[in-house]
Every structure is written in structure tokens, then in C-alpha cells.
């Protein structure tokens, strides 16, 4: 579940908790909304911590170029070895 899914869970939970006045027998929609908001907040926190770890940059390693061509007999372009 990505960041968008977590935000949708928070929004649906807030709608169920604060914007509805339905009364279903055996189901408390306020508690269901609070649970959905809690799961969404936990998902956002998890997603942001994972994204922060991915953004940590590893220091670049030094690039060492090898001298493949030996300079012999006046040739400097590598031909005539």
C-alpha cells in the first residue's frame, strides 16, 4: 500500500467518524472510522521511514582508471604495441 492508499484510509475513516450519523446494529461506525484512521497514520509513518532510508545517499566510491596502454617506441595513442 502506497502513500495514496494510506491517505484514502485516513479520509474514509474521518468520514465514517465525523461526517456520518448512520446507526448499524452490531457495528459502531465511529470505532471503525478510528481504526481506519489509525491504520492510515501507521501506513504513512511506515512509508515515510522506508522512503527516507531509500533517499540516504551512499558516498561515491573512487574511480580508478587503469593505464592500459604502455608507451613504447614513441607511440602514445596505443597503436603499435
Protein backbone atom coordinates (compact mmCIF):
# COMPACT_ATOMS: atom_id res chain seq x y z
CA UNK A 1 0.00 0.00 0.00
CA UNK A 2 1.48 3.30 -1.01
CA UNK A 3 1.10 6.79 0.31
CA UNK A 4 -2.09 7.37 -1.66
CA UNK A 5 -3.76 4.32 -0.14
CA UNK A 6 -2.85 5.45 3.36
CA UNK A 7 -4.30 8.90 2.75
CA UNK A 8 -7.50 7.33 1.41
CA UNK A 9 -7.78 5.20 4.57
CA UNK A 10 -7.41 8.31 6.72
CA UNK A 11 -10.05 10.15 4.68
CA UNK A 12 -12.56 7.29 4.75
CA UNK A 13 -12.01 6.84 8.47
CA UNK A 14 -12.56 10.54 9.11
CA UNK A 15 -15.74 10.50 7.04
CA UNK A 16 -17.09 7.49 8.96
CA UNK A 17 -16.18 9.01 12.32
CA UNK A 18 -17.12 12.66 11.91
CA UNK A 19 -19.49 13.04 8.94
CA UNK A 20 -21.97 10.19 9.22
CA UNK A 21 -24.85 9.58 11.56
CA UNK A 22 -25.73 6.07 10.43
CA UNK A 23 -26.54 3.57 13.10
CA UNK A 24 -25.98 -0.03 12.17
CA UNK A 25 -26.95 -2.75 14.57
CA UNK A 26 -23.84 -4.54 15.82
CA UNK A 27 -21.35 -2.16 14.17
CA UNK A 28 -20.09 1.07 15.68
CA UNK A 29 -19.05 3.19 12.68
CA UNK A 30 -17.18 5.65 14.91
CA UNK A 31 -14.84 2.88 16.07
CA UNK A 32 -14.44 1.56 12.52
CA UNK A 33 -13.51 5.08 11.37
CA UNK A 34 -10.99 5.48 14.18
CA UNK A 35 -9.41 2.13 13.30
CA UNK A 36 -9.14 3.11 9.64
CA UNK A 37 -7.53 6.44 10.54
CA UNK A 38 -5.06 4.70 12.87
CA UNK A 39 -4.09 2.19 10.17
CA UNK A 40 -3.66 5.03 7.67
CA UNK A 41 -1.44 7.01 10.03
CA UNK A 42 0.69 3.94 10.75
CA UNK A 43 0.97 3.34 7.00
CA UNK A 44 2.08 6.94 6.35
CA UNK A 45 4.71 6.67 9.10
CA UNK A 46 5.99 3.36 7.72
CA UNK A 47 6.04 4.62 4.13
CA UNK A 48 7.91 7.79 5.08
CA UNK A 49 10.54 5.90 7.09
CA UNK A 50 11.14 3.50 4.20
CA UNK A 51 11.33 6.37 1.72
CA UNK A 52 13.79 8.21 3.98
CA UNK A 53 16.06 5.15 4.07
CA UNK A 54 15.99 4.91 0.28
CA UNK A 55 17.00 8.55 -0.06
CA UNK A 56 20.12 8.19 2.10
CA UNK A 57 22.97 8.55 -0.31
CA UNK A 58 25.98 6.28 -0.12
CA UNK A 59 29.25 8.17 -0.51
CA UNK A 60 30.58 7.66 -4.02
CA UNK A 61 33.49 5.33 -4.43
CA UNK A 62 36.66 6.50 -6.04
CA UNK A 63 37.02 5.59 -9.70
CA UNK A 64 40.46 4.36 -10.58
CA UNK A 65 41.30 4.23 -14.24
CA UNK A 66 43.99 1.83 -15.29
CA UNK A 67 46.62 2.78 -17.79
CA UNK A 68 46.06 0.01 -20.32
CA UNK A 69 48.41 1.27 -22.98
CA UNK A 70 52.11 1.16 -22.41
CA UNK A 71 54.12 3.82 -24.15
CA UNK A 72 56.82 2.10 -26.16
CA UNK A 73 58.91 3.28 -29.04
CA UNK A 74 57.32 6.71 -29.24
CA UNK A 75 53.76 5.54 -29.77
CA UNK A 76 51.42 7.42 -27.47
CA UNK A 77 47.99 6.54 -28.83
CA UNK A 78 48.11 2.84 -28.01
CA UNK A 79 48.51 1.61 -31.56
CA UNK A 80 51.64 -0.32 -32.44
CA UNK A 81 52.05 -2.12 -29.17
